[in-house]
């Protein structure tokens, strides 16, 4: 009998680096995520994990309503941010977006607009199963929204 292979147990969170933690928290709160906590992460141990040495990062952890997924919003105080991928199109290499299952997509889009959301393309119907769209939120953060339809 071979030994059991190590495997992923779950996905804990997706991280997004932002300039304004307050604006990002406001946007994702309106989307329906709950702020679980906000803290400063610094010290030698943190730099050893990220390879950034003397880092100081303010983070906010946001949870989905089902409690299974989290979004970690980070604002780097030190070292300075060295790259900006916020305006990259959806076919760029690397991590670019997070997708949320939502209810009442049109209503949600109206509520998100005052928080900086702009539609990237258009809302499309995928085979009567989903209505899908991408929006750019504060700072150009790319977010996918998917409303499940009754045609499954």
N, C-alpha and C. Protein backbone atom coordinates (compact mmCIF):
# COMPACT_ATOMS: atom_id res chain seq x y z
N UNK A 1 0.85 -1.18 0.00
CA UNK A 1 0.00 0.00 0.00
C UNK A 1 0.90 1.24 0.00
N UNK A 2 0.65 2.16 -0.94
CA UNK A 2 1.47 3.36 -1.02
C UNK A 2 1.01 4.40 -0.01
N UNK A 3 1.92 5.24 0.45
CA UNK A 3 1.53 6.27 1.41
C UNK A 3 0.60 7.29 0.77
N UNK A 4 -0.24 7.89 1.59
CA UNK A 4 -1.19 8.88 1.10
C UNK A 4 -0.45 10.13 0.64
N UNK A 5 -0.81 10.60 -0.55
CA UNK A 5 -0.23 11.81 -1.11
C UNK A 5 -0.73 13.04 -0.36
N UNK A 6 0.16 14.02 -0.16
CA UNK A 6 -0.31 15.27 0.43
C UNK A 6 -1.20 15.97 -0.59
N UNK A 7 -2.18 16.71 -0.11
CA UNK A 7 -3.13 17.37 -1.00
C UNK A 7 -3.66 18.63 -0.34
N UNK A 8 -4.21 19.51 -1.13
CA UNK A 8 -4.85 20.71 -0.63
C UNK A 8 -6.08 20.33 0.18
N UNK A 9 -6.25 20.94 1.33
CA UNK A 9 -7.44 20.72 2.15
C UNK A 9 -8.55 21.70 1.79
N UNK A 10 -8.16 22.96 1.50
CA UNK A 10 -9.13 24.00 1.16
C UNK A 10 -8.35 25.21 0.66
N UNK A 11 -9.05 26.16 0.07
CA UNK A 11 -8.44 27.43 -0.27
C UNK A 11 -8.81 28.42 0.83
N UNK A 12 -7.81 28.98 1.50
CA UNK A 12 -8.09 29.89 2.61
C UNK A 12 -8.45 31.30 2.16
N UNK A 13 -7.67 31.86 1.22
CA UNK A 13 -8.00 33.20 0.77
C UNK A 13 -7.28 33.54 -0.52
N UNK A 14 -7.77 34.62 -1.14
CA UNK A 14 -7.14 35.23 -2.30
C UNK A 14 -6.70 36.61 -1.84
N UNK A 15 -5.49 37.03 -2.21
CA UNK A 15 -4.99 38.32 -1.78
C UNK A 15 -5.01 39.35 -2.89
N UNK A 16 -5.37 40.58 -2.52
CA UNK A 16 -5.36 41.71 -3.44
C UNK A 16 -4.64 42.86 -2.75
N UNK A 17 -3.65 43.43 -3.43
CA UNK A 17 -2.93 44.58 -2.90
C UNK A 17 -3.61 45.84 -3.40
N UNK A 18 -3.88 46.77 -2.48
CA UNK A 18 -4.60 48.00 -2.81
C UNK A 18 -3.87 49.21 -2.24
N UNK A 19 -4.22 50.39 -2.75
CA UNK A 19 -3.70 51.64 -2.18
C UNK A 19 -4.60 52.12 -1.04
N UNK A 20 -5.91 52.01 -1.21
CA UNK A 20 -6.85 52.46 -0.19
C UNK A 20 -7.60 51.27 0.39
N UNK A 21 -7.23 50.89 1.58
CA UNK A 21 -7.92 49.78 2.25
C UNK A 21 -9.37 50.14 2.53
N UNK A 22 -9.62 51.40 2.92
CA UNK A 22 -10.99 51.82 3.22
C UNK A 22 -11.90 51.70 2.00
N UNK A 23 -11.43 52.16 0.83
CA UNK A 23 -12.24 52.07 -0.39
C UNK A 23 -12.51 50.61 -0.77
N UNK A 24 -11.49 49.77 -0.66
CA UNK A 24 -11.65 48.35 -1.01
C UNK A 24 -12.61 47.66 -0.04
N UNK A 25 -12.50 47.96 1.24
CA UNK A 25 -13.41 47.37 2.23
C UNK A 25 -14.85 47.81 1.93
N UNK A 26 -15.03 49.07 1.62
CA UNK A 26 -16.37 49.59 1.30
C UNK A 26 -16.97 48.88 0.09
N UNK A 27 -16.16 48.72 -0.97
CA UNK A 27 -16.62 48.05 -2.19
C UNK A 27 -17.00 46.59 -1.91
N UNK A 28 -16.12 45.84 -1.28
CA UNK A 28 -16.40 44.43 -1.05
C UNK A 28 -17.48 44.21 0.01
N UNK A 29 -17.66 45.16 0.92
CA UNK A 29 -18.78 45.09 1.87
C UNK A 29 -20.10 45.25 1.11
N UNK A 30 -20.13 46.20 0.17
CA UNK A 30 -21.34 46.39 -0.64
C UNK A 30 -21.63 45.16 -1.49
N UNK A 31 -20.59 44.47 -1.91
CA UNK A 31 -20.74 43.24 -2.69
C UNK A 31 -21.35 42.12 -1.83
N UNK A 32 -21.17 42.21 -0.51
CA UNK A 32 -21.76 41.22 0.39
C UNK A 32 -20.77 40.50 1.28
N UNK A 33 -19.48 40.84 1.19
CA UNK A 33 -18.49 40.22 2.06
C UNK A 33 -18.49 40.94 3.40
N UNK A 34 -18.12 40.22 4.45
CA UNK A 34 -18.09 40.79 5.79
C UNK A 34 -16.65 40.97 6.24
N UNK A 35 -16.37 42.13 6.84
CA UNK A 35 -15.05 42.39 7.38
C UNK A 35 -14.87 41.56 8.64
N UNK A 36 -13.90 40.64 8.60
CA UNK A 36 -13.62 39.81 9.78
C UNK A 36 -12.61 40.47 10.70
N UNK A 37 -11.72 41.25 10.14
CA UNK A 37 -10.73 41.91 10.97
C UNK A 37 -9.77 42.71 10.14
N UNK A 38 -9.06 43.59 10.83
CA UNK A 38 -8.09 44.48 10.21
C UNK A 38 -6.89 44.52 11.14
N UNK A 39 -5.68 44.40 10.58
CA UNK A 39 -4.50 44.33 11.44
C UNK A 39 -3.26 44.77 10.68
N UNK A 40 -2.21 45.05 11.44
CA UNK A 40 -0.90 45.36 10.87
C UNK A 40 -0.08 44.07 10.92
N UNK A 41 0.57 43.76 9.80
CA UNK A 41 1.44 42.59 9.74
C UNK A 41 2.85 43.11 9.46
N UNK A 42 3.73 42.88 10.40
CA UNK A 42 5.11 43.31 10.22
C UNK A 42 6.01 42.44 11.07
N UNK A 43 7.28 42.72 11.03
CA UNK A 43 8.23 41.96 11.81
C UNK A 43 9.02 40.99 10.96
N UNK A 44 10.05 40.51 11.56
CA UNK A 44 11.00 39.64 10.87
C UNK A 44 10.34 38.38 10.32
N UNK A 45 9.42 37.78 11.06
CA UNK A 45 8.77 36.54 10.63
C UNK A 45 7.99 36.76 9.33
N UNK A 46 7.30 37.90 9.23
CA UNK A 46 6.48 38.18 8.05
C UNK A 46 7.36 38.32 6.81
N UNK A 47 8.48 39.01 6.94
CA UNK A 47 9.40 39.17 5.83
C UNK A 47 10.03 37.87 5.38
N UNK A 48 10.19 36.95 6.31
CA UNK A 48 10.75 35.63 5.94
C UNK A 48 9.75 34.85 5.09
N UNK A 49 8.48 35.02 5.33
CA UNK A 49 7.45 34.32 4.55
C UNK A 49 7.39 34.87 3.12
N UNK A 50 7.37 36.19 2.99
CA UNK A 50 7.18 36.82 1.69
C UNK A 50 8.47 37.09 0.93
N UNK A 51 9.58 37.06 1.62
CA UNK A 51 10.86 37.39 1.00
C UNK A 51 11.08 38.88 0.89
N UNK A 52 10.26 39.69 1.54
CA UNK A 52 10.38 41.15 1.45
C UNK A 52 11.12 41.78 2.63
N UNK A 53 11.65 40.99 3.50
CA UNK A 53 12.42 41.43 4.68
C UNK A 53 11.62 42.37 5.56
N UNK A 54 11.96 43.65 5.60
CA UNK A 54 11.35 44.58 6.54
C UNK A 54 10.01 45.11 6.03
N UNK A 55 9.02 44.26 5.97
CA UNK A 55 7.73 44.69 5.45
C UNK A 55 6.83 45.17 6.57
N UNK A 56 5.97 46.12 6.22
CA UNK A 56 4.88 46.59 7.07
C UNK A 56 3.66 46.63 6.16
N UNK A 57 2.66 45.84 6.49
CA UNK A 57 1.48 45.70 5.66
C UNK A 57 0.24 45.78 6.54
N UNK A 58 -0.69 46.64 6.16
CA UNK A 58 -1.99 46.67 6.83
C UNK A 58 -2.92 45.77 6.03
N UNK A 59 -3.57 44.84 6.69
CA UNK A 59 -4.46 43.91 6.00
C UNK A 59 -5.88 43.99 6.55
N UNK A 60 -6.81 43.60 5.71
CA UNK A 60 -8.20 43.43 6.11
C UNK A 60 -8.66 42.10 5.54
N UNK A 61 -9.28 41.27 6.35
CA UNK A 61 -9.79 39.98 5.90
C UNK A 61 -11.30 40.08 5.76
N UNK A 62 -11.77 39.75 4.54
CA UNK A 62 -13.19 39.81 4.22
C UNK A 62 -13.67 38.38 3.94
N UNK A 63 -14.83 38.02 4.46
CA UNK A 63 -15.37 36.67 4.29
C UNK A 63 -16.64 36.68 3.47
N UNK A 64 -16.82 35.63 2.66
CA UNK A 64 -18.07 35.47 1.91
C UNK A 64 -19.18 35.07 2.87
N UNK A 65 -20.44 35.32 2.50
CA UNK A 65 -21.55 35.01 3.40
C UNK A 65 -21.60 33.55 3.85
N UNK A 66 -21.15 32.62 2.99
CA UNK A 66 -21.19 31.21 3.39
C UNK A 66 -20.05 30.83 4.33
N UNK A 67 -19.10 31.75 4.54
CA UNK A 67 -17.99 31.51 5.46
C UNK A 67 -16.89 30.61 4.92
N UNK A 68 -16.99 30.19 3.66
CA UNK A 68 -16.01 29.26 3.10
C UNK A 68 -14.84 29.93 2.41
N UNK A 69 -15.00 31.18 1.98
CA UNK A 69 -13.94 31.84 1.23
C UNK A 69 -13.63 33.20 1.83
N UNK A 70 -12.39 33.60 1.65
CA UNK A 70 -11.95 34.89 2.17
C UNK A 70 -11.14 35.66 1.14
N UNK A 71 -11.16 36.96 1.29
CA UNK A 71 -10.38 37.85 0.48
C UNK A 71 -9.50 38.63 1.43
N UNK A 72 -8.18 38.58 1.21
CA UNK A 72 -7.27 39.36 2.04
C UNK A 72 -6.85 40.60 1.27
N UNK A 73 -7.24 41.75 1.77
CA UNK A 73 -6.87 43.02 1.17
C UNK A 73 -5.64 43.53 1.90
N UNK A 74 -4.61 43.92 1.15
CA UNK A 74 -3.35 44.36 1.76
C UNK A 74 -2.95 45.72 1.24
N UNK A 75 -2.46 46.56 2.16
CA UNK A 75 -1.90 47.87 1.79
C UNK A 75 -0.47 47.90 2.31
N UNK A 76 0.48 47.90 1.37
CA UNK A 76 1.89 47.88 1.74
C UNK A 76 2.36 49.27 2.14
N UNK A 77 2.87 49.39 3.36
CA UNK A 77 3.49 50.62 3.83
C UNK A 77 4.99 50.56 3.55
N UNK A 78 5.56 49.38 3.68
CA UNK A 78 6.98 49.15 3.36
C UNK A 78 7.14 47.67 3.05
N UNK A 79 7.90 47.33 2.05
CA UNK A 79 8.50 48.23 1.08
C UNK A 79 7.43 48.79 0.14
N UNK A 80 7.82 49.78 -0.65
CA UNK A 80 6.91 50.40 -1.60
C UNK A 80 6.46 49.39 -2.65
N UNK A 81 5.27 49.59 -3.18
CA UNK A 81 4.75 48.76 -4.27
C UNK A 81 5.65 48.98 -5.49
N UNK A 82 6.01 47.88 -6.20
CA UNK A 82 6.94 48.01 -7.32
C UNK A 82 6.32 47.77 -8.69
N UNK A 83 5.09 47.27 -8.73
CA UNK A 83 4.44 47.00 -10.01
C UNK A 83 2.95 47.24 -9.86
N UNK A 84 2.30 47.54 -10.98
CA UNK A 84 0.87 47.83 -10.96
C UNK A 84 0.21 47.07 -12.11
N UNK A 85 -0.60 46.08 -11.78
CA UNK A 85 -1.27 45.25 -12.77
C UNK A 85 -2.76 45.54 -12.87
N UNK A 86 -3.20 46.61 -12.24
CA UNK A 86 -4.64 46.86 -12.14
C UNK A 86 -5.33 47.10 -13.46
N UNK A 87 -4.64 47.61 -14.45
CA UNK A 87 -5.30 47.88 -15.72
C UNK A 87 -5.05 46.81 -16.77
N UNK A 88 -4.44 45.71 -16.35
CA UNK A 88 -4.18 44.61 -17.28
C UNK A 88 -5.49 44.02 -17.79
N UNK A 89 -5.56 43.70 -19.08
CA UNK A 89 -6.77 43.06 -19.61
C UNK A 89 -6.89 41.62 -19.11
N UNK A 90 -8.07 41.05 -19.24
CA UNK A 90 -8.35 39.72 -18.68
C UNK A 90 -7.53 38.61 -19.30
N UNK A 91 -6.88 38.84 -20.44
CA UNK A 91 -6.08 37.78 -21.05
C UNK A 91 -4.58 37.95 -20.74
N UNK A 92 -4.25 38.72 -19.71
CA UNK A 92 -2.85 38.87 -19.28
C UNK A 92 -2.44 37.67 -18.43
N UNK A 93 -1.15 37.40 -18.40
CA UNK A 93 -0.64 36.30 -17.59
C UNK A 93 -0.70 36.67 -16.11
N UNK A 94 -0.92 35.68 -15.27
CA UNK A 94 -0.91 35.89 -13.82
C UNK A 94 -2.31 35.94 -13.25
N UNK A 95 -2.38 36.17 -11.94
CA UNK A 95 -3.66 36.29 -11.25
C UNK A 95 -4.27 37.64 -11.55
N UNK A 96 -5.50 37.65 -12.00
CA UNK A 96 -6.08 38.92 -12.40
C UNK A 96 -7.44 39.22 -11.78
N UNK A 97 -8.21 38.22 -11.51
CA UNK A 97 -9.56 38.51 -11.04
C UNK A 97 -10.02 37.46 -10.05
N UNK A 98 -11.08 37.79 -9.37
CA UNK A 98 -11.78 36.86 -8.51
C UNK A 98 -13.23 36.88 -8.98
N UNK A 99 -13.90 35.74 -8.96
CA UNK A 99 -15.29 35.63 -9.44
C UNK A 99 -16.19 35.30 -8.25
N UNK A 100 -17.32 35.99 -8.17
CA UNK A 100 -18.29 35.75 -7.12
C UNK A 100 -19.62 35.32 -7.71
N UNK A 101 -20.27 34.35 -7.07
CA UNK A 101 -21.65 33.99 -7.39
C UNK A 101 -22.52 35.00 -6.66
N UNK A 102 -23.44 35.62 -7.39
CA UNK A 102 -24.26 36.70 -6.81
C UNK A 102 -25.73 36.47 -7.10
N UNK A 103 -26.55 37.23 -6.41
CA UNK A 103 -27.99 37.26 -6.67
C UNK A 103 -28.35 38.64 -7.19
N UNK A 104 -29.39 38.73 -8.02
CA UNK A 104 -29.91 40.01 -8.52
C UNK A 104 -28.78 40.90 -9.05
N UNK A 105 -28.14 40.45 -10.10
CA UNK A 105 -26.97 41.10 -10.68
C UNK A 105 -27.21 42.57 -11.01
N UNK A 106 -28.31 42.89 -11.66
CA UNK A 106 -28.58 44.28 -12.06
C UNK A 106 -28.65 45.21 -10.85
N UNK A 107 -29.36 44.77 -9.82
CA UNK A 107 -29.48 45.55 -8.59
C UNK A 107 -28.10 45.74 -7.94
N UNK A 108 -27.33 44.68 -7.91
CA UNK A 108 -25.99 44.73 -7.32
C UNK A 108 -25.10 45.72 -8.06
N UNK A 109 -25.14 45.69 -9.40
CA UNK A 109 -24.33 46.62 -10.18
C UNK A 109 -24.69 48.07 -9.86
N UNK A 110 -25.96 48.34 -9.69
CA UNK A 110 -26.39 49.71 -9.34
C UNK A 110 -25.81 50.12 -7.98
N UNK A 111 -25.80 49.20 -7.03
CA UNK A 111 -25.27 49.51 -5.70
C UNK A 111 -23.75 49.66 -5.71
N UNK A 112 -23.07 48.95 -6.63
CA UNK A 112 -21.61 49.00 -6.68
C UNK A 112 -21.08 50.24 -7.40
N UNK A 113 -21.89 50.83 -8.29
CA UNK A 113 -21.42 51.99 -9.07
C UNK A 113 -20.92 53.14 -8.19
N UNK A 114 -21.62 53.51 -7.11
CA UNK A 114 -21.10 54.59 -6.26
C UNK A 114 -19.79 54.22 -5.55
N UNK A 115 -19.43 52.95 -5.57
CA UNK A 115 -18.19 52.49 -4.96
C UNK A 115 -17.08 52.32 -6.00
N UNK A 116 -17.31 52.85 -7.20
CA UNK A 116 -16.28 52.84 -8.22
C UNK A 116 -16.39 51.75 -9.26
N UNK A 117 -17.43 50.93 -9.22
CA UNK A 117 -17.55 49.82 -10.18
C UNK A 117 -17.95 50.32 -11.56
N UNK A 118 -17.24 49.83 -12.57
CA UNK A 118 -17.61 50.10 -13.96
C UNK A 118 -17.60 48.77 -14.71
N UNK A 119 -18.58 48.59 -15.56
CA UNK A 119 -18.70 47.38 -16.36
C UNK A 119 -17.55 47.33 -17.37
N UNK A 120 -16.88 46.18 -17.49
CA UNK A 120 -15.76 46.03 -18.42
C UNK A 120 -16.26 45.85 -19.84
N UNK A 121 -17.12 44.90 -20.05
CA UNK A 121 -17.69 44.64 -21.38
C UNK A 121 -19.19 44.81 -21.27
N UNK A 122 -19.89 43.69 -21.30
CA UNK A 122 -21.34 43.71 -21.14
C UNK A 122 -21.77 42.50 -20.34
N UNK A 123 -23.00 42.52 -19.89
CA UNK A 123 -23.57 41.37 -19.19
C UNK A 123 -24.02 40.39 -20.26
N UNK A 124 -23.60 39.13 -20.13
CA UNK A 124 -23.97 38.13 -21.13
C UNK A 124 -24.69 36.96 -20.47
N UNK A 125 -25.53 36.32 -21.26
CA UNK A 125 -26.24 35.12 -20.83
C UNK A 125 -25.47 33.92 -21.36
N UNK A 126 -25.02 33.06 -20.45
CA UNK A 126 -24.30 31.86 -20.85
C UNK A 126 -25.27 30.68 -20.84
N UNK A 127 -25.80 30.34 -22.00
CA UNK A 127 -26.65 29.17 -22.23
C UNK A 127 -27.82 29.06 -21.26
N UNK A 128 -28.35 30.19 -20.82
CA UNK A 128 -29.48 30.16 -19.89
C UNK A 128 -29.12 29.67 -18.51
N UNK A 129 -27.83 29.50 -18.23
CA UNK A 129 -27.38 28.99 -16.93
C UNK A 129 -26.91 30.13 -16.02
N UNK A 130 -26.13 31.05 -16.60
CA UNK A 130 -25.59 32.18 -15.84
C UNK A 130 -25.72 33.48 -16.62
N UNK A 131 -25.85 34.57 -15.91
CA UNK A 131 -25.60 35.91 -16.44
C UNK A 131 -24.26 36.32 -15.86
N UNK A 132 -23.33 36.69 -16.74
CA UNK A 132 -21.95 36.95 -16.32
C UNK A 132 -21.50 38.34 -16.74
N UNK A 133 -20.61 38.92 -15.94
CA UNK A 133 -19.95 40.16 -16.34
C UNK A 133 -18.69 40.34 -15.51
N UNK A 134 -17.84 41.23 -16.01
CA UNK A 134 -16.67 41.67 -15.25
C UNK A 134 -16.89 43.15 -14.94
N UNK A 135 -16.49 43.54 -13.76
CA UNK A 135 -16.47 44.95 -13.39
C UNK A 135 -15.08 45.30 -12.87
N UNK A 136 -14.73 46.55 -13.03
CA UNK A 136 -13.54 47.07 -12.37
C UNK A 136 -14.04 47.88 -11.19
N UNK A 137 -13.51 47.54 -10.04
CA UNK A 137 -13.88 48.22 -8.81
C UNK A 137 -12.89 49.32 -8.49
N UNK A 138 -12.81 49.72 -7.21
CA UNK A 138 -11.87 50.77 -6.85
C UNK A 138 -10.45 50.36 -7.26
N UNK A 139 -9.69 51.33 -7.74
CA UNK A 139 -8.30 51.10 -8.15
C UNK A 139 -8.19 50.15 -9.34
N UNK A 140 -9.30 49.91 -10.04
CA UNK A 140 -9.25 49.05 -11.22
C UNK A 140 -9.26 47.56 -10.93
N UNK A 141 -9.55 47.18 -9.68
CA UNK A 141 -9.59 45.75 -9.33
C UNK A 141 -10.61 45.05 -10.21
N UNK A 142 -10.22 43.95 -10.84
CA UNK A 142 -11.10 43.20 -11.73
C UNK A 142 -11.86 42.13 -10.95
N UNK A 143 -13.19 42.19 -11.04
CA UNK A 143 -14.06 41.27 -10.31
C UNK A 143 -15.07 40.68 -11.29
N UNK A 144 -15.22 39.36 -11.26
CA UNK A 144 -16.24 38.68 -12.05
C UNK A 144 -17.49 38.47 -11.21
N UNK A 145 -18.64 38.61 -11.83
CA UNK A 145 -19.92 38.41 -11.15
C UNK A 145 -20.74 37.43 -11.97
N UNK A 146 -21.30 36.43 -11.31
CA UNK A 146 -22.08 35.39 -12.00
C UNK A 146 -23.40 35.17 -11.26
N UNK A 147 -24.50 35.46 -11.95
CA UNK A 147 -25.83 35.22 -11.40
C UNK A 147 -26.36 33.93 -11.99
N UNK A 148 -26.63 32.97 -11.13
CA UNK A 148 -27.17 31.68 -11.59
C UNK A 148 -28.63 31.86 -11.99
N UNK A 149 -28.96 31.33 -13.18
CA UNK A 149 -30.33 31.41 -13.67
C UNK A 149 -31.02 30.06 -13.44
N UNK A 150 -32.30 30.01 -13.68
CA UNK A 150 -33.07 28.81 -13.42
C UNK A 150 -32.96 27.73 -14.49
N UNK A 151 -32.20 27.93 -15.56
CA UNK A 151 -32.18 27.00 -16.69
C UNK A 151 -31.24 25.82 -16.55
N UNK A 152 -30.77 25.50 -15.37
CA UNK A 152 -29.82 24.39 -15.22
C UNK A 152 -30.44 23.05 -15.38
